[in-house]
Amino acid sequence: MNKKAVAKISLAGFAVTFIGAILFSTKAVIVKKAFADIKVDALSLLAVRMICAVPFYLIVAFYKTNQEENKKLTGKQWWFLIILGLSGYYLSSLLDFVGLQYISAGLERLLLFLYPTITMLITTLVFKQKVSTIQKMALLLTYAGTAVAFYGELKLDTGNTNFYYGSLLIFLCAITYGFFVAGSGQLIPQIGATKFTAYAMTVAAVGVLLHFAINGNFTVIESGNTKFWLYGILIAVVATVIPSFLISAGLKKMGSNNVAIVSSIGPVSTIIQAHFILGEQIFTAQIIGTILVIAGVVMIGWKRKQI
């Protein structure tokens, strides 16, 4: 493959990952808005998200499975996929939704974006994937920005008695999602991005719905609250289905380390949306952090020219 062709693939990977990250960044804002408008609990909101999302994934899974070129997954691949689906989309989502009850959407996104560090640690130590100099520089800028903005938020919201509990839950979410991104970067080249996403999300949906069946509040599901279902559809389609396929495509084209860095635009997007939609305050530390994060993303955009 010539250099020009590779550069085009790199550009496409950057584009789909960037758009997917923006759409994913709407999730925290929509969830916070739902908590405020309909007073719903985290598990119920997560369950309706999966109820609305899983039909899309089942259709795609059925289509991919019945294609002539489809290759059946090995037992090892199935177990790996199930573990990734439960950790990356079930457990991570549960920790995220519960944590969002206690902290702002802007802080949630900043804490969640500690996951690229975790992803790099796993890919480096477990999968022996090398990290380039420019990736290290981009990560340094990205996390410097995240740290500055987080410190400012910490000073602003110290009166919240559940601040540290909510932050801990989001940090645990970052760990489980970092494991998912690292693992998916290994499995996607073997089975394909679309098939992987459809199967992994279906596994996650089963986990969520089983959890809800055992410990959920069926009153809110049976109430027929129109807003509840509208929020569920919005979270499912705009903030889950579409971006999950885009990010998986990015993983296939760019690798997990590059996806982790490009996706760092997410906190910037969430902070801006949270300000205009939720009325969350934008302060100096956030602005400084935003500039540093954007610098890291731009560096990855330039990297495609060097491939």
C-alpha atoms as a PDB file:
ATOM      1  CA  MET A   1       0.000   0.000   0.000  1.00  0.00           C
ATOM      2  CA  ASN A   2       1.429   3.371  -0.978  1.00  0.00           C
ATOM      3  CA  LYS A   3       1.889   6.324   1.324  1.00  0.00           C
ATOM      4  CA  LYS A   4      -0.935   8.291  -0.256  1.00  0.00           C
ATOM      5  CA  ALA A   5      -3.441   5.483   0.330  1.00  0.00           C
ATOM      6  CA  VAL A   6      -2.397   5.097   3.931  1.00  0.00           C
ATOM      7  CA  ALA A   7      -2.754   8.845   4.490  1.00  0.00           C
ATOM      8  CA  LYS A   8      -6.333   8.712   3.166  1.00  0.00           C
ATOM      9  CA  ILE A   9      -7.177   5.863   5.515  1.00  0.00           C
ATOM     10  CA  SER A  10      -5.661   7.827   8.393  1.00  0.00           C
ATOM     11  CA  LEU A  11      -7.736  10.885   7.507  1.00  0.00           C
ATOM     12  CA  ALA A  12     -10.910   8.794   7.376  1.00  0.00           C
ATOM     13  CA  GLY A  13     -10.080   7.279  10.755  1.00  0.00           C
ATOM     14  CA  PHE A  14      -9.542  10.703  12.253  1.00  0.00           C
ATOM     15  CA  ALA A  15     -12.857  11.974  10.844  1.00  0.00           C
ATOM     16  CA  VAL A  16     -15.087   9.097  12.004  1.00  0.00           C
ATOM     17  CA  THR A  17     -13.449   9.048  15.427  1.00  0.00           C
ATOM     18  CA  PHE A  18     -13.826  12.813  15.858  1.00  0.00           C
ATOM     19  CA  ILE A  19     -17.544  12.750  14.950  1.00  0.00           C
ATOM     20  CA  GLY A  20     -18.131   9.695  17.127  1.00  0.00           C
ATOM     21  CA  ALA A  21     -16.462  11.398  20.087  1.00  0.00           C
ATOM     22  CA  ILE A  22     -18.646  14.504  19.662  1.00  0.00           C
ATOM     23  CA  LEU A  23     -21.815  12.395  19.607  1.00  0.00           C
ATOM     24  CA  PHE A  24     -20.670  10.349  22.591  1.00  0.00           C
ATOM     25  CA  SER A  25     -20.046  13.617  24.450  1.00  0.00           C
ATOM     26  CA  THR A  26     -23.767  14.440  24.294  1.00  0.00           C
ATOM     27  CA  LYS A  27     -24.556  11.483  26.540  1.00  0.00           C
ATOM     28  CA  ALA A  28     -23.634  13.086  29.860  1.00  0.00           C
ATOM     29  CA  VAL A  29     -25.646  16.203  29.046  1.00  0.00           C
ATOM     30  CA  ILE A  30     -28.717  14.211  28.017  1.00  0.00           C
ATOM     31  CA  VAL A  31     -28.486  12.016  31.128  1.00  0.00           C
ATOM     32  CA  LYS A  32     -28.156  15.031  33.449  1.00  0.00           C
ATOM     33  CA  LYS A  33     -31.099  16.672  31.696  1.00  0.00           C
ATOM     34  CA  ALA A  34     -33.171  13.511  32.144  1.00  0.00           C
ATOM     35  CA  PHE A  35     -32.303  13.334  35.858  1.00  0.00           C
ATOM     36  CA  ALA A  36     -33.452  16.939  36.268  1.00  0.00           C
ATOM     37  CA  ASP A  37     -36.629  16.688  34.167  1.00  0.00           C
ATOM     38  CA  ILE A  38     -38.154  13.342  35.146  1.00  0.00           C
ATOM     39  CA  LYS A  39     -36.406  12.379  38.406  1.00  0.00           C
ATOM     40  CA  VAL A  40     -35.495   8.928  37.114  1.00  0.00           C
ATOM     41  CA  ASP A  41     -32.939   6.596  38.730  1.00  0.00           C
ATOM     42  CA  ALA A  42     -29.728   5.613  36.948  1.00  0.00           C
ATOM     43  CA  LEU A  43     -30.542   1.918  36.383  1.00  0.00           C
ATOM     44  CA  SER A  44     -33.953   2.674  34.852  1.00  0.00           C
ATOM     45  CA  LEU A  45     -32.466   5.243  32.483  1.00  0.00           C
ATOM     46  CA  LEU A  46     -29.706   2.837  31.503  1.00  0.00           C
ATOM     47  CA  ALA A  47     -32.267   0.078  30.916  1.00  0.00           C
ATOM     48  CA  VAL A  48     -34.415   2.202  28.590  1.00  0.00           C
ATOM     49  CA  ARG A  49     -31.263   3.226  26.746  1.00  0.00           C
ATOM     50  CA  MET A  50     -30.508  -0.438  26.046  1.00  0.00           C
ATOM     51  CA  ILE A  51     -34.123  -1.301  25.220  1.00  0.00           C
ATOM     52  CA  CYS A  52     -34.095   1.393  22.556  1.00  0.00           C
ATOM     53  CA  ALA A  53     -30.591   0.619  21.281  1.00  0.00           C
ATOM     54  CA  VAL A  54     -30.460  -3.173  21.170  1.00  0.00           C
ATOM     55  CA  PRO A  55     -32.829  -3.638  18.160  1.00  0.00           C
ATOM     56  CA  PHE A  56     -30.321  -1.762  15.989  1.00  0.00           C
ATOM     57  CA  TYR A  57     -27.476  -3.983  17.139  1.00  0.00           C
ATOM     58  CA  LEU A  58     -29.503  -7.181  16.718  1.00  0.00           C
ATOM     59  CA  ILE A  59     -30.343  -6.228  13.127  1.00  0.00           C
ATOM     60  CA  VAL A  60     -26.700  -5.518  12.332  1.00  0.00           C
ATOM     61  CA  ALA A  61     -25.552  -8.706  14.106  1.00  0.00           C
ATOM     62  CA  PHE A  62     -28.067 -10.799  12.129  1.00  0.00           C
ATOM     63  CA  TYR A  63     -27.003  -9.174   8.861  1.00  0.00           C
ATOM     64  CA  LYS A  64     -23.275  -9.670   9.466  1.00  0.00           C
ATOM     65  CA  THR A  65     -23.755 -13.262  10.657  1.00  0.00           C
ATOM     66  CA  ASN A  66     -25.658 -14.237   7.497  1.00  0.00           C
ATOM     67  CA  GLN A  67     -23.148 -12.812   5.026  1.00  0.00           C
ATOM     68  CA  GLU A  68     -21.315 -15.412   2.940  1.00  0.00           C
ATOM     69  CA  GLU A  69     -17.882 -14.192   4.017  1.00  0.00           C
ATOM     70  CA  ASN A  70     -18.824 -14.361   7.693  1.00  0.00           C
ATOM     71  CA  LYS A  71     -16.404 -16.343   9.811  1.00  0.00           C
ATOM     72  CA  LYS A  72     -17.655 -17.929  12.998  1.00  0.00           C
ATOM     73  CA  LEU A  73     -16.029 -16.756  16.198  1.00  0.00           C
ATOM     74  CA  THR A  74     -13.817 -19.196  18.036  1.00  0.00           C
ATOM     75  CA  GLY A  75     -14.549 -20.072  21.641  1.00  0.00           C
ATOM     76  CA  LYS A  76     -11.682 -17.868  22.774  1.00  0.00           C
ATOM     77  CA  GLN A  77     -13.004 -14.926  20.727  1.00  0.00           C
ATOM     78  CA  TRP A  78     -16.495 -15.363  22.160  1.00  0.00           C
ATOM     79  CA  TRP A  79     -15.222 -15.284  25.739  1.00  0.00           C
ATOM     80  CA  PHE A  80     -13.069 -12.252  25.038  1.00  0.00           C
ATOM     81  CA  LEU A  81     -15.983 -10.462  23.381  1.00  0.00           C
ATOM     82  CA  ILE A  82     -18.351 -11.243  26.264  1.00  0.00           C
ATOM     83  CA  ILE A  83     -15.830  -9.939  28.798  1.00  0.00           C
ATOM     84  CA  LEU A  84     -15.305  -6.764  26.770  1.00  0.00           C
ATOM     85  CA  GLY A  85     -19.029  -6.211  26.286  1.00  0.00           C
ATOM     86  CA  LEU A  86     -19.780  -6.577  29.982  1.00  0.00           C
ATOM     87  CA  SER A  87     -16.870  -4.415  31.108  1.00  0.00           C
ATOM     88  CA  GLY A  88     -16.920  -1.745  28.415  1.00  0.00           C
ATOM     89  CA  TYR A  89     -20.616  -1.166  27.824  1.00  0.00           C
ATOM     90  CA  TYR A  90     -22.450  -2.675  30.804  1.00  0.00           C
ATOM     91  CA  LEU A  91     -20.280  -2.034  33.848  1.00  0.00           C
ATOM     92  CA  SER A  92     -18.804   1.204  32.505  1.00  0.00           C
ATOM     93  CA  SER A  93     -22.243   2.573  31.649  1.00  0.00           C
ATOM     94  CA  LEU A  94     -23.661   1.635  35.029  1.00  0.00           C
ATOM     95  CA  LEU A  95     -20.806   3.315  36.903  1.00  0.00           C
ATOM     96  CA  ASP A  96     -21.107   6.326  34.626  1.00  0.00           C
ATOM     97  CA  PHE A  97     -24.871   6.802  35.008  1.00  0.00           C
ATOM     98  CA  VAL A  98     -24.736   6.421  38.796  1.00  0.00           C
ATOM     99  CA  GLY A  99     -21.762   8.791  39.059  1.00  0.00           C
ATOM    100  CA  LEU A 100     -23.549  11.410  36.971  1.00  0.00           C
ATOM    101  CA  GLN A 101     -26.158  11.725  39.702  1.00  0.00           C
ATOM    102  CA  TYR A 102     -23.526  13.339  41.938  1.00  0.00           C
ATOM    103  CA  ILE A 103     -21.172  15.392  39.747  1.00  0.00           C
ATOM    104  CA  SER A 104     -21.441  17.773  36.804  1.00  0.00           C
ATOM    105  CA  ALA A 105     -21.454  16.643  33.182  1.00  0.00           C
ATOM    106  CA  GLY A 106     -18.246  18.605  32.547  1.00  0.00           C
ATOM    107  CA  LEU A 107     -16.363  16.932  35.384  1.00  0.00           C
ATOM    108  CA  GLU A 108     -17.691  13.510  34.404  1.00  0.00           C
ATOM    109  CA  ARG A 109     -16.253  13.843  30.933  1.00  0.00           C
ATOM    110  CA  LEU A 110     -12.897  15.066  32.225  1.00  0.00           C
ATOM    111  CA  LEU A 111     -12.558  12.181  34.668  1.00  0.00           C
ATOM    112  CA  LEU A 112     -13.714   9.652  32.112  1.00  0.00           C
ATOM    113  CA  PHE A 113     -10.967  10.819  29.798  1.00  0.00           C
ATOM    114  CA  LEU A 114      -8.335   9.419  32.072  1.00  0.00           C
ATOM    115  CA  TYR A 115      -9.057   6.197  30.157  1.00  0.00           C
ATOM    116  CA  PRO A 116      -6.481   6.805  27.377  1.00  0.00           C
ATOM    117  CA  THR A 117      -3.734   6.546  29.985  1.00  0.00           C
ATOM    118  CA  ILE A 118      -5.185   3.224  31.100  1.00  0.00           C
ATOM    119  CA  THR A 119      -5.562   2.107  27.496  1.00  0.00           C
ATOM    120  CA  MET A 120      -1.925   2.906  26.740  1.00  0.00           C
ATOM    121  CA  LEU A 121      -0.767   1.092  29.874  1.00  0.00           C
ATOM    122  CA  ILE A 122      -2.678  -2.046  28.882  1.00  0.00           C
ATOM    123  CA  THR A 123      -1.640  -2.003  25.218  1.00  0.00           C
ATOM    124  CA  THR A 124       1.973  -1.393  26.149  1.00  0.00           C
ATOM    125  CA  LEU A 125       2.304  -3.945  28.954  1.00  0.00           C
ATOM    126  CA  VAL A 126      -0.117  -6.661  27.810  1.00  0.00           C
ATOM    127  CA  PHE A 127      -0.284  -6.404  24.021  1.00  0.00           C
ATOM    128  CA  LYS A 128       3.280  -5.051  23.525  1.00  0.00           C
ATOM    129  CA  GLN A 129       2.055  -2.184  21.321  1.00  0.00           C
ATOM    130  CA  LYS A 130       4.635   0.544  20.857  1.00  0.00           C
ATOM    131  CA  VAL A 131       3.821   4.168  21.659  1.00  0.00           C
ATOM    132  CA  SER A 132       5.292   6.753  19.277  1.00  0.00           C
ATOM    133  CA  THR A 133       6.920   9.978  20.406  1.00  0.00           C
ATOM    134  CA  ILE A 134       4.141  12.118  18.963  1.00  0.00           C
ATOM    135  CA  GLN A 135       1.528  10.032  20.798  1.00  0.00           C
ATOM    136  CA  LYS A 136       3.369  10.643  24.051  1.00  0.00           C
ATOM    137  CA  MET A 137       3.548  14.380  23.365  1.00  0.00           C
ATOM    138  CA  ALA A 138      -0.140  14.545  22.441  1.00  0.00           C
ATOM    139  CA  LEU A 139      -1.111  12.636  25.559  1.00  0.00           C
ATOM    140  CA  LEU A 140       1.013  14.961  27.687  1.00  0.00           C
ATOM    141  CA  LEU A 141      -0.831  17.993  26.327  1.00  0.00           C
ATOM    142  CA  THR A 142      -4.222  16.320  26.557  1.00  0.00           C
ATOM    143  CA  TYR A 143      -3.873  15.244  30.175  1.00  0.00           C
ATOM    144  CA  ALA A 144      -2.231  18.441  31.269  1.00  0.00           C
ATOM    145  CA  GLY A 145      -5.380  20.156  30.025  1.00  0.00           C
ATOM    146  CA  THR A 146      -7.597  17.624  31.757  1.00  0.00           C
ATOM    147  CA  ALA A 147      -5.728  18.061  35.048  1.00  0.00           C
ATOM    148  CA  VAL A 148      -5.972  21.866  34.968  1.00  0.00           C
ATOM    149  CA  ALA A 149      -9.693  21.812  34.263  1.00  0.00           C
ATOM    150  CA  PHE A 150     -10.330  19.114  36.883  1.00  0.00           C
ATOM    151  CA  TYR A 151      -8.532  21.124  39.571  1.00  0.00           C
ATOM    152  CA  GLY A 152     -10.687  24.143  38.813  1.00  0.00           C
ATOM    153  CA  GLU A 153     -13.868  22.044  39.031  1.00  0.00           C
ATOM    154  CA  LEU A 154     -12.698  20.546  42.298  1.00  0.00           C
ATOM    155  CA  LYS A 155     -12.373  23.988  43.867  1.00  0.00           C
ATOM    156  CA  LEU A 156     -15.752  25.039  42.508  1.00  0.00           C
ATOM    157  CA  ASP A 157     -17.809  22.062  43.742  1.00  0.00           C
ATOM    158  CA  THR A 158     -16.320  21.207  47.148  1.00  0.00           C
ATOM    159  CA  GLY A 159     -19.684  21.833  48.842  1.00  0.00           C
ATOM    160  CA  ASN A 160     -21.121  18.712  47.200  1.00  0.00           C
ATOM    161  CA  THR A 161     -21.102  15.970  49.874  1.00  0.00           C
ATOM    162  CA  ASN A 162     -21.179  13.235  47.194  1.00  0.00           C
ATOM    163  CA  PHE A 163     -18.466  14.861  45.092  1.00  0.00           C
ATOM    164  CA  TYR A 164     -15.742  12.320  45.874  1.00  0.00           C
ATOM    165  CA  TYR A 165     -18.100   9.337  45.661  1.00  0.00           C
ATOM    166  CA  GLY A 166     -19.339  10.399  42.238  1.00  0.00           C
ATOM    167  CA  SER A 167     -15.779  11.107  41.101  1.00  0.00           C
ATOM    168  CA  LEU A 168     -14.660   7.652  42.268  1.00  0.00           C
ATOM    169  CA  LEU A 169     -17.428   5.972  40.289  1.00  0.00           C
ATOM    170  CA  ILE A 170     -16.447   7.826  37.124  1.00  0.00           C
ATOM    171  CA  PHE A 171     -12.788   6.958  37.695  1.00  0.00           C
ATOM    172  CA  LEU A 172     -13.740   3.271  37.952  1.00  0.00           C
ATOM    173  CA  CYS A 173     -15.727   3.756  34.758  1.00  0.00           C
ATOM    174  CA  ALA A 174     -12.581   5.083  33.082  1.00  0.00           C
ATOM    175  CA  ILE A 175     -10.671   1.961  34.150  1.00  0.00           C
ATOM    176  CA  THR A 176     -13.256  -0.470  32.770  1.00  0.00           C
ATOM    177  CA  TYR A 177     -13.613   1.530  29.561  1.00  0.00           C
ATOM    178  CA  GLY A 178      -9.846   1.707  29.134  1.00  0.00           C
ATOM    179  CA  PHE A 179      -9.761  -2.095  29.324  1.00  0.00           C
ATOM    180  CA  PHE A 180     -12.528  -2.233  26.711  1.00  0.00           C
ATOM    181  CA  VAL A 181     -10.734   0.088  24.266  1.00  0.00           C
ATOM    182  CA  ALA A 182      -7.454  -1.816  24.608  1.00  0.00           C
ATOM    183  CA  GLY A 183      -9.137  -5.194  24.156  1.00  0.00           C
ATOM    184  CA  SER A 184     -11.328  -4.108  21.268  1.00  0.00           C
ATOM    185  CA  GLY A 185      -8.256  -2.850  19.450  1.00  0.00           C
ATOM    186  CA  GLN A 186      -7.041  -6.454  19.474  1.00  0.00           C
ATOM    187  CA  LEU A 187     -10.320  -8.180  18.563  1.00  0.00           C
ATOM    188  CA  ILE A 188     -11.681  -5.803  15.899  1.00  0.00           C
ATOM    189  CA  PRO A 189      -8.961  -6.656  13.315  1.00  0.00           C
ATOM    190  CA  GLN A 190      -9.931 -10.321  13.722  1.00  0.00           C
ATOM    191  CA  ILE A 191     -13.724 -10.098  13.374  1.00  0.00           C
ATOM    192  CA  GLY A 192     -14.432  -6.632  11.948  1.00  0.00           C
ATOM    193  CA  ALA A 193     -15.513  -3.363  13.546  1.00  0.00           C
ATOM    194  CA  THR A 194     -19.238  -3.531  12.747  1.00  0.00           C
ATOM    195  CA  LYS A 195     -19.655  -7.126  13.832  1.00  0.00           C
ATOM    196  CA  PHE A 196     -17.692  -6.520  17.017  1.00  0.00           C
ATOM    197  CA  THR A 197     -19.770  -3.487  17.982  1.00  0.00           C
ATOM    198  CA  ALA A 198     -23.085  -5.230  17.295  1.00  0.00           C
ATOM    199  CA  TYR A 199     -22.142  -8.316  19.298  1.00  0.00           C
ATOM    200  CA  ALA A 200     -20.515  -6.440  22.194  1.00  0.00           C
ATOM    201  CA  MET A 201     -23.456  -4.066  22.600  1.00  0.00           C
ATOM    202  CA  THR A 202     -25.919  -6.957  22.498  1.00  0.00           C
ATOM    203  CA  VAL A 203     -23.953  -8.665  25.273  1.00  0.00           C
ATOM    204  CA  ALA A 204     -23.990  -5.431  27.281  1.00  0.00           C
ATOM    205  CA  ALA A 205     -27.738  -4.997  26.751  1.00  0.00           C
ATOM    206  CA  VAL A 206     -28.362  -8.501  28.105  1.00  0.00           C
ATOM    207  CA  GLY A 207     -26.290  -7.640  31.174  1.00  0.00           C
ATOM    208  CA  VAL A 208     -28.157  -4.382  31.795  1.00  0.00           C
ATOM    209  CA  LEU A 209     -31.609  -5.896  31.302  1.00  0.00           C
ATOM    210  CA  LEU A 210     -30.836  -8.854  33.564  1.00  0.00           C
ATOM    211  CA  HIS A 211     -29.654  -6.405  36.221  1.00  0.00           C
ATOM    212  CA  PHE A 212     -32.840  -4.386  35.803  1.00  0.00           C
ATOM    213  CA  ALA A 213     -35.012  -7.504  35.939  1.00  0.00           C
ATOM    214  CA  ILE A 214     -33.451  -8.447  39.278  1.00  0.00           C
ATOM    215  CA  ASN A 215     -33.131  -5.039  40.909  1.00  0.00           C
ATOM    216  CA  GLY A 216     -34.977  -2.503  38.770  1.00  0.00           C
ATOM    217  CA  ASN A 217     -37.879  -0.157  39.350  1.00  0.00           C
ATOM    218  CA  PHE A 218     -40.586  -1.373  36.955  1.00  0.00           C
ATOM    219  CA  THR A 219     -42.918   1.476  37.921  1.00  0.00           C
ATOM    220  CA  VAL A 220     -41.107   3.990  35.736  1.00  0.00           C
ATOM    221  CA  ILE A 221     -41.130   1.589  32.755  1.00  0.00           C
ATOM    222  CA  GLU A 222     -44.844   0.872  33.139  1.00  0.00           C
ATOM    223  CA  SER A 223     -45.833   4.498  33.745  1.00  0.00           C
ATOM    224  CA  GLY A 224     -45.844   5.351  30.043  1.00  0.00           C
ATOM    225  CA  ASN A 225     -44.020   8.623  30.725  1.00  0.00           C
ATOM    226  CA  THR A 226     -43.435  10.085  27.253  1.00  0.00           C
ATOM    227  CA  LYS A 227     -40.376  12.098  28.330  1.00  0.00           C
ATOM    228  CA  PHE A 228     -38.778   8.999  29.821  1.00  0.00           C
ATOM    229  CA  TRP A 229     -38.971   7.147  26.501  1.00  0.00           C
ATOM    230  CA  LEU A 230     -37.948  10.185  24.469  1.00  0.00           C
ATOM    231  CA  TYR A 231     -34.810  10.560  26.559  1.00  0.00           C
ATOM    232  CA  GLY A 232     -34.176   6.841  26.176  1.00  0.00           C
ATOM    233  CA  ILE A 233     -34.430   7.056  22.384  1.00  0.00           C
ATOM    234  CA  LEU A 234     -32.200  10.137  22.305  1.00  0.00           C
ATOM    235  CA  ILE A 235     -29.500   8.525  24.435  1.00  0.00           C
ATOM    236  CA  ALA A 236     -29.769   5.251  22.495  1.00  0.00           C
ATOM    237  CA  VAL A 237     -29.576   6.581  18.940  1.00  0.00           C
ATOM    238  CA  VAL A 238     -27.629   9.862  19.105  1.00  0.00           C
ATOM    239  CA  ALA A 239     -25.290   9.086  22.012  1.00  0.00           C
ATOM    240  CA  THR A 240     -24.922   5.299  21.694  1.00  0.00           C
ATOM    241  CA  VAL A 241     -25.736   3.523  18.413  1.00  0.00           C
ATOM    242  CA  ILE A 242     -24.287   5.970  15.881  1.00  0.00           C
ATOM    243  CA  PRO A 243     -21.106   6.914  17.792  1.00  0.00           C
ATOM    244  CA  SER A 244     -20.376   3.317  18.842  1.00  0.00           C
ATOM    245  CA  PHE A 245     -20.122   2.243  15.196  1.00  0.00           C
ATOM    246  CA  LEU A 246     -18.072   5.338  14.336  1.00  0.00           C
ATOM    247  CA  ILE A 247     -15.599   4.731  17.176  1.00  0.00           C
ATOM    248  CA  SER A 248     -15.279   1.045  16.253  1.00  0.00           C
ATOM    249  CA  ALA A 249     -14.516   2.061  12.670  1.00  0.00           C
ATOM    250  CA  GLY A 250     -11.909   4.459  14.017  1.00  0.00           C
ATOM    251  CA  LEU A 251     -10.325   1.686  16.065  1.00  0.00           C
ATOM    252  CA  LYS A 252     -10.005  -0.425  12.946  1.00  0.00           C
ATOM    253  CA  LYS A 253      -8.441   2.379  10.899  1.00  0.00           C
ATOM    254  CA  MET A 254      -6.230   4.040  13.528  1.00  0.00           C
ATOM    255  CA  GLY A 255      -5.613   1.738  16.484  1.00  0.00           C
ATOM    256  CA  SER A 256      -6.636   2.185  20.123  1.00  0.00           C
ATOM    257  CA  ASN A 257      -3.944   4.708  21.095  1.00  0.00           C
ATOM    258  CA  ASN A 258      -4.838   7.153  18.326  1.00  0.00           C
ATOM    259  CA  VAL A 259      -8.554   6.772  18.979  1.00  0.00           C
ATOM    260  CA  ALA A 260      -7.975   7.509  22.658  1.00  0.00           C
ATOM    261  CA  ILE A 261      -6.167  10.758  21.823  1.00  0.00           C
ATOM    262  CA  VAL A 262      -8.567  12.005  19.133  1.00  0.00           C
ATOM    263  CA  SER A 263     -11.512  11.232  21.412  1.00  0.00           C
ATOM    264  CA  SER A 264     -10.084  13.689  23.914  1.00  0.00           C
ATOM    265  CA  ILE A 265     -12.145  16.345  22.136  1.00  0.00           C
ATOM    266  CA  GLY A 266     -15.049  14.849  24.109  1.00  0.00           C
ATOM    267  CA  PRO A 267     -14.514  16.842  27.315  1.00  0.00           C
ATOM    268  CA  VAL A 268     -14.374  20.078  25.356  1.00  0.00           C
ATOM    269  CA  SER A 269     -17.639  19.290  23.616  1.00  0.00           C
ATOM    270  CA  THR A 270     -19.356  18.234  26.846  1.00  0.00           C
ATOM    271  CA  ILE A 271     -18.264  21.358  28.743  1.00  0.00           C
ATOM    272  CA  ILE A 272     -19.646  23.628  26.030  1.00  0.00           C
ATOM    273  CA  GLN A 273     -22.923  21.716  25.763  1.00  0.00           C
ATOM    274  CA  ALA A 274     -23.310  21.566  29.537  1.00  0.00           C
ATOM    275  CA  HIS A 275     -22.880  25.321  29.775  1.00  0.00           C
ATOM    276  CA  PHE A 276     -25.579  26.161  27.245  1.00  0.00           C
ATOM    277  CA  ILE A 277     -28.028  23.333  27.989  1.00  0.00           C
ATOM    278  CA  LEU A 278     -27.559  22.676  31.709  1.00  0.00           C
ATOM    279  CA  GLY A 279     -26.279  26.079  32.810  1.00  0.00           C
ATOM    280  CA  GLU A 280     -22.999  24.670  34.159  1.00  0.00           C
ATOM    281  CA  GLN A 281     -20.351  27.312  34.731  1.00  0.00           C
ATOM    282  CA  ILE A 282     -17.336  27.712  32.449  1.00  0.00           C
ATOM    283  CA  PHE A 283     -14.285  29.007  34.319  1.00  0.00           C
ATOM    284  CA  THR A 284     -10.699  29.957  33.564  1.00  0.00           C
ATOM    285  CA  ALA A 285      -9.229  26.527  34.340  1.00  0.00           C
ATOM    286  CA  GLN A 286     -11.634  24.938  31.869  1.00  0.00           C
ATOM    287  CA  ILE A 287     -10.614  27.368  29.144  1.00  0.00           C
ATOM    288  CA  ILE A 288      -6.901  26.676  29.702  1.00  0.00           C
ATOM    289  CA  GLY A 289      -7.561  22.943  29.792  1.00  0.00           C
ATOM    290  CA  THR A 290      -9.617  23.157  26.616  1.00  0.00           C
ATOM    291  CA  ILE A 291      -6.783  24.831  24.709  1.00  0.00           C
ATOM    292  CA  LEU A 292      -4.325  22.127  25.766  1.00  0.00           C
ATOM    293  CA  VAL A 293      -6.736  19.333  24.857  1.00  0.00           C
ATOM    294  CA  ILE A 294      -7.372  20.797  21.403  1.00  0.00           C
ATOM    295  CA  ALA A 295      -3.595  21.065  20.879  1.00  0.00           C
ATOM    296  CA  GLY A 296      -3.273  17.340  21.540  1.00  0.00           C
ATOM    297  CA  VAL A 297      -6.059  16.531  19.069  1.00  0.00           C
ATOM    298  CA  VAL A 298      -4.513  18.744  16.364  1.00  0.00           C
ATOM    299  CA  MET A 299      -1.190  16.926  16.781  1.00  0.00           C
ATOM    300  CA  ILE A 300      -2.900  13.640  15.927  1.00  0.00           C
ATOM    301  CA  GLY A 301      -4.524  15.302  12.925  1.00  0.00           C
ATOM    302  CA  TRP A 302      -1.057  16.275  11.708  1.00  0.00           C
ATOM    303  CA  LYS A 303       0.300  12.795  12.333  1.00  0.00           C
ATOM    304  CA  ARG A 304      -1.568  11.451   9.303  1.00  0.00           C
ATOM    305  CA  LYS A 305       0.692  13.504   7.048  1.00  0.00           C
ATOM    306  CA  GLN A 306       3.741  11.703   8.389  1.00  0.00           C
ATOM    307  CA  ILE A 307       2.432   8.165   7.848  1.00  0.00           C
END
